[in-house]
Amino acid sequence: SFIGEESVAAGEGSVLTDNPTWIIDPIDGTTNFVHRFPFVAVSIGFVVNKKIEFGIVYSCIEDKMYTARKGKGAFCNGQKLQVSGQEDITKSLLVTELGSNRDP
């Protein structure tokens, strides 16, 4: 089955099941895209039994392809990515995204 971010945002409620499912966001960063901020990507994930198997993120502006597969590591344009060894949170950069739909 397929789940698209735009259909979920439109209220078409999608339920993740145990069936193999593609999750696709063709314009991940829609608000950035509309405002011409260069942080836009095409994001694709594949889920089986409600667990992610692999993901692909193509950063269109940067022309970078990020891929990751469960148990196989993560890559950018084929080069293996490494996590930081930083253990002190005060010296770390933390990033999150809260979405645009929030009730006051």
N, C-alpha and C. Protein backbone atom coordinates (compact mmCIF):
# COMPACT_ATOMS: atom_id res chain seq x y z
N SER A 1 0.83 -1.18 0.00
CA SER A 1 0.00 0.00 0.00
C SER A 1 0.88 1.25 0.00
N PHE A 2 0.23 2.40 -0.12
CA PHE A 2 0.94 3.68 -0.19
C PHE A 2 0.32 4.67 0.79
N ILE A 3 1.16 5.47 1.41
CA ILE A 3 0.71 6.59 2.23
C ILE A 3 1.47 7.81 1.74
N GLY A 4 0.72 8.85 1.39
CA GLY A 4 1.33 10.10 0.94
C GLY A 4 1.12 11.19 1.97
N GLU A 5 2.13 11.99 2.22
CA GLU A 5 2.04 13.04 3.22
C GLU A 5 0.92 14.02 2.90
N GLU A 6 0.75 14.36 1.64
CA GLU A 6 -0.27 15.32 1.28
C GLU A 6 -1.67 14.78 1.54
N SER A 7 -1.90 13.48 1.33
CA SER A 7 -3.22 12.91 1.59
C SER A 7 -3.51 12.89 3.09
N VAL A 8 -2.50 12.63 3.90
CA VAL A 8 -2.68 12.64 5.36
C VAL A 8 -2.97 14.06 5.82
N ALA A 9 -2.24 15.04 5.28
CA ALA A 9 -2.45 16.44 5.65
C ALA A 9 -3.85 16.90 5.25
N ALA A 10 -4.41 16.32 4.19
CA ALA A 10 -5.74 16.69 3.73
C ALA A 10 -6.84 16.01 4.54
N GLY A 11 -6.46 15.21 5.53
CA GLY A 11 -7.44 14.58 6.40
C GLY A 11 -7.95 13.24 5.91
N GLU A 12 -7.27 12.63 4.97
CA GLU A 12 -7.70 11.34 4.43
C GLU A 12 -7.25 10.17 5.29
N GLY A 13 -6.93 10.38 6.54
CA GLY A 13 -6.50 9.37 7.49
C GLY A 13 -5.97 8.07 6.90
N SER A 14 -4.72 7.80 7.10
CA SER A 14 -4.10 6.56 6.67
C SER A 14 -3.68 5.78 7.91
N VAL A 15 -3.92 4.48 7.87
CA VAL A 15 -3.55 3.63 8.99
C VAL A 15 -2.41 2.72 8.55
N LEU A 16 -1.35 2.73 9.31
CA LEU A 16 -0.22 1.86 9.03
C LEU A 16 -0.56 0.46 9.49
N THR A 17 -0.44 -0.51 8.60
CA THR A 17 -0.74 -1.90 8.91
C THR A 17 0.54 -2.72 8.85
N ASP A 18 0.41 -4.04 8.98
CA ASP A 18 1.58 -4.92 8.85
C ASP A 18 1.96 -5.15 7.39
N ASN A 19 1.11 -4.74 6.45
CA ASN A 19 1.40 -4.92 5.03
C ASN A 19 2.57 -4.05 4.61
N PRO A 20 3.37 -4.51 3.64
CA PRO A 20 4.43 -3.65 3.09
C PRO A 20 3.83 -2.33 2.59
N THR A 21 4.41 -1.22 3.02
CA THR A 21 3.84 0.09 2.72
C THR A 21 4.93 1.08 2.34
N TRP A 22 4.70 1.80 1.25
CA TRP A 22 5.56 2.91 0.84
C TRP A 22 4.99 4.17 1.47
N ILE A 23 5.85 4.98 2.07
CA ILE A 23 5.45 6.28 2.61
C ILE A 23 6.22 7.33 1.82
N ILE A 24 5.48 8.21 1.16
CA ILE A 24 6.12 9.14 0.22
C ILE A 24 5.70 10.58 0.52
N ASP A 25 6.67 11.46 0.59
CA ASP A 25 6.43 12.89 0.69
C ASP A 25 7.17 13.54 -0.48
N PRO A 26 6.44 13.86 -1.56
CA PRO A 26 7.11 14.36 -2.77
C PRO A 26 7.73 15.75 -2.61
N ILE A 27 7.21 16.55 -1.68
CA ILE A 27 7.83 17.84 -1.38
C ILE A 27 7.92 17.94 0.14
N ASP A 28 8.96 17.34 0.68
CA ASP A 28 9.19 17.39 2.12
C ASP A 28 9.84 18.73 2.42
N GLY A 29 9.12 19.58 3.10
CA GLY A 29 9.56 20.96 3.31
C GLY A 29 8.72 21.90 2.46
N THR A 30 7.43 21.63 2.38
CA THR A 30 6.54 22.43 1.53
C THR A 30 6.60 23.91 1.88
N THR A 31 6.58 24.23 3.16
CA THR A 31 6.65 25.63 3.57
C THR A 31 7.96 26.26 3.12
N ASN A 32 9.05 25.54 3.27
CA ASN A 32 10.34 26.04 2.78
C ASN A 32 10.29 26.26 1.27
N PHE A 33 9.70 25.32 0.55
CA PHE A 33 9.59 25.42 -0.90
C PHE A 33 8.81 26.67 -1.30
N VAL A 34 7.68 26.89 -0.65
CA VAL A 34 6.83 28.04 -0.97
C VAL A 34 7.57 29.35 -0.72
N HIS A 35 8.40 29.38 0.32
CA HIS A 35 9.13 30.60 0.67
C HIS A 35 10.54 30.65 0.08
N ARG A 36 10.83 29.71 -0.81
CA ARG A 36 12.12 29.64 -1.51
C ARG A 36 13.32 29.45 -0.58
N PHE A 37 13.08 28.78 0.56
CA PHE A 37 14.19 28.39 1.41
C PHE A 37 14.76 27.10 0.84
N PRO A 38 16.08 26.96 0.81
CA PRO A 38 16.69 25.82 0.11
C PRO A 38 16.73 24.51 0.91
N PHE A 39 15.72 24.27 1.72
CA PHE A 39 15.68 23.04 2.51
C PHE A 39 14.45 22.24 2.11
N VAL A 40 14.57 21.56 0.98
CA VAL A 40 13.46 20.82 0.38
C VAL A 40 13.99 19.47 -0.07
N ALA A 41 13.16 18.44 0.09
CA ALA A 41 13.60 17.11 -0.32
C ALA A 41 12.42 16.27 -0.77
N VAL A 42 12.73 15.19 -1.43
CA VAL A 42 11.76 14.13 -1.73
C VAL A 42 12.10 13.01 -0.75
N SER A 43 11.13 12.60 0.06
CA SER A 43 11.38 11.59 1.09
C SER A 43 10.53 10.35 0.83
N ILE A 44 11.18 9.19 0.88
CA ILE A 44 10.51 7.91 0.62
C ILE A 44 10.94 6.93 1.70
N GLY A 45 9.98 6.25 2.27
CA GLY A 45 10.27 5.21 3.25
C GLY A 45 9.53 3.94 2.89
N PHE A 46 10.06 2.81 3.31
CA PHE A 46 9.40 1.52 3.08
C PHE A 46 9.28 0.81 4.42
N VAL A 47 8.05 0.44 4.77
CA VAL A 47 7.73 -0.13 6.07
C VAL A 47 7.12 -1.52 5.90
N VAL A 48 7.55 -2.47 6.73
CA VAL A 48 6.96 -3.81 6.75
C VAL A 48 6.69 -4.15 8.22
N ASN A 49 5.51 -4.67 8.50
CA ASN A 49 5.12 -5.00 9.88
C ASN A 49 5.28 -3.80 10.81
N LYS A 50 4.95 -2.62 10.29
CA LYS A 50 5.01 -1.36 11.03
C LYS A 50 6.42 -0.97 11.45
N LYS A 51 7.43 -1.53 10.79
CA LYS A 51 8.82 -1.20 11.09
C LYS A 51 9.51 -0.74 9.81
N ILE A 52 10.24 0.36 9.94
CA ILE A 52 10.93 0.91 8.77
C ILE A 52 12.04 -0.04 8.32
N GLU A 53 12.09 -0.30 7.03
CA GLU A 53 13.13 -1.15 6.44
C GLU A 53 14.22 -0.31 5.80
N PHE A 54 13.81 0.72 5.05
CA PHE A 54 14.78 1.64 4.47
C PHE A 54 14.14 2.97 4.15
N GLY A 55 14.98 3.97 3.99
CA GLY A 55 14.51 5.30 3.64
C GLY A 55 15.45 5.95 2.65
N ILE A 56 14.89 6.83 1.85
CA ILE A 56 15.66 7.58 0.86
C ILE A 56 15.20 9.03 0.94
N VAL A 57 16.15 9.95 1.02
CA VAL A 57 15.84 11.37 1.02
C VAL A 57 16.73 12.02 -0.04
N TYR A 58 16.09 12.65 -1.03
CA TYR A 58 16.85 13.35 -2.06
C TYR A 58 16.71 14.85 -1.82
N SER A 59 17.82 15.49 -1.47
CA SER A 59 17.85 16.93 -1.27
C SER A 59 18.05 17.58 -2.63
N CYS A 60 16.95 18.07 -3.18
CA CYS A 60 16.93 18.56 -4.56
C CYS A 60 17.89 19.72 -4.81
N ILE A 61 17.89 20.69 -3.93
CA ILE A 61 18.72 21.88 -4.11
C ILE A 61 20.21 21.52 -4.03
N GLU A 62 20.56 20.66 -3.07
CA GLU A 62 21.96 20.28 -2.87
C GLU A 62 22.41 19.16 -3.79
N ASP A 63 21.46 18.51 -4.45
CA ASP A 63 21.73 17.33 -5.28
C ASP A 63 22.45 16.25 -4.46
N LYS A 64 21.87 15.95 -3.29
CA LYS A 64 22.42 14.92 -2.41
C LYS A 64 21.36 13.84 -2.17
N MET A 65 21.79 12.59 -2.27
CA MET A 65 20.90 11.46 -2.04
C MET A 65 21.32 10.76 -0.74
N TYR A 66 20.43 10.81 0.24
CA TYR A 66 20.68 10.13 1.51
C TYR A 66 19.90 8.81 1.50
N THR A 67 20.57 7.73 1.88
CA THR A 67 19.92 6.43 1.94
C THR A 67 20.29 5.75 3.25
N ALA A 68 19.36 4.97 3.75
CA ALA A 68 19.63 4.20 4.97
C ALA A 68 18.79 2.93 4.93
N ARG A 69 19.37 1.86 5.43
CA ARG A 69 18.65 0.59 5.50
C ARG A 69 18.89 -0.03 6.87
N LYS A 70 17.84 -0.56 7.42
CA LYS A 70 17.92 -1.15 8.75
C LYS A 70 19.08 -2.13 8.84
N GLY A 71 20.00 -1.87 9.77
CA GLY A 71 21.14 -2.75 9.98
C GLY A 71 22.28 -2.60 8.99
N LYS A 72 22.14 -1.69 8.02
CA LYS A 72 23.16 -1.54 6.97
C LYS A 72 23.83 -0.17 6.96
N GLY A 73 23.39 0.74 7.82
CA GLY A 73 24.01 2.05 7.88
C GLY A 73 23.31 3.09 7.02
N ALA A 74 23.87 4.29 7.06
CA ALA A 74 23.33 5.42 6.32
C ALA A 74 24.42 6.00 5.42
N PHE A 75 24.00 6.55 4.28
CA PHE A 75 24.95 7.02 3.28
C PHE A 75 24.47 8.33 2.67
N CYS A 76 25.42 9.13 2.20
CA CYS A 76 25.12 10.32 1.42
C CYS A 76 25.89 10.20 0.12
N ASN A 77 25.17 10.14 -0.98
CA ASN A 77 25.77 9.94 -2.30
C ASN A 77 26.74 8.76 -2.30
N GLY A 78 26.37 7.70 -1.59
CA GLY A 78 27.17 6.48 -1.58
C GLY A 78 28.27 6.44 -0.54
N GLN A 79 28.53 7.56 0.13
CA GLN A 79 29.57 7.62 1.16
C GLN A 79 28.95 7.36 2.53
N LYS A 80 29.51 6.41 3.28
CA LYS A 80 28.97 6.05 4.58
C LYS A 80 29.03 7.24 5.54
N LEU A 81 27.92 7.46 6.24
CA LEU A 81 27.86 8.52 7.24
C LEU A 81 28.24 7.96 8.61
N GLN A 82 28.86 8.79 9.41
CA GLN A 82 29.25 8.40 10.77
C GLN A 82 28.56 9.32 11.77
N VAL A 83 28.15 8.76 12.88
CA VAL A 83 27.58 9.59 13.93
C VAL A 83 28.71 10.25 14.71
N SER A 84 28.40 11.36 15.33
CA SER A 84 29.38 12.06 16.15
C SER A 84 29.66 11.25 17.41
N GLY A 85 30.87 11.35 17.90
CA GLY A 85 31.22 10.71 19.16
C GLY A 85 30.94 11.63 20.35
N GLN A 86 30.37 12.80 20.08
CA GLN A 86 30.11 13.78 21.13
C GLN A 86 29.10 13.23 22.14
N GLU A 87 29.49 13.20 23.39
CA GLU A 87 28.60 12.72 24.45
C GLU A 87 28.10 13.84 25.35
N ASP A 88 28.70 15.02 25.25
CA ASP A 88 28.31 16.17 26.07
C ASP A 88 27.22 16.94 25.33
N ILE A 89 25.99 16.89 25.85
CA ILE A 89 24.87 17.52 25.16
C ILE A 89 25.05 19.03 25.03
N THR A 90 25.80 19.65 25.92
CA THR A 90 26.01 21.10 25.84
C THR A 90 26.91 21.48 24.67
N LYS A 91 27.57 20.51 24.08
CA LYS A 91 28.42 20.75 22.92
C LYS A 91 27.82 20.16 21.65
N SER A 92 26.53 19.84 21.72
CA SER A 92 25.86 19.18 20.60
C SER A 92 24.87 20.11 19.94
N LEU A 93 24.54 19.82 18.71
CA LEU A 93 23.50 20.52 17.97
C LEU A 93 22.33 19.57 17.84
N LEU A 94 21.19 19.95 18.39
CA LEU A 94 19.99 19.13 18.32
C LEU A 94 18.99 19.81 17.40
N VAL A 95 18.34 19.04 16.54
CA VAL A 95 17.39 19.58 15.58
C VAL A 95 16.11 18.77 15.64
N THR A 96 14.98 19.46 15.55
CA THR A 96 13.69 18.77 15.47
C THR A 96 12.76 19.59 14.59
N GLU A 97 11.65 19.00 14.21
CA GLU A 97 10.65 19.68 13.40
C GLU A 97 9.30 19.35 14.01
N LEU A 98 8.52 20.36 14.30
CA LEU A 98 7.25 20.16 14.98
C LEU A 98 6.05 20.15 14.05
N GLY A 99 6.26 20.39 12.78
CA GLY A 99 5.14 20.43 11.85
C GLY A 99 4.45 21.78 11.88
N SER A 100 3.51 21.97 10.98
CA SER A 100 2.84 23.27 10.89
C SER A 100 1.44 23.26 11.46
N ASN A 101 0.87 22.10 11.74
CA ASN A 101 -0.49 22.02 12.28
C ASN A 101 -0.45 21.85 13.78
N ARG A 102 -0.66 22.95 14.50
CA ARG A 102 -0.65 22.89 15.95
C ARG A 102 -1.87 23.61 16.49
N ASP A 103 -2.51 23.01 17.47
CA ASP A 103 -3.61 23.67 18.16
C ASP A 103 -3.03 24.55 19.25
N PRO A 104 -3.59 25.76 19.40
CA PRO A 104 -3.06 26.66 20.45
C PRO A 104 -3.33 26.12 21.84
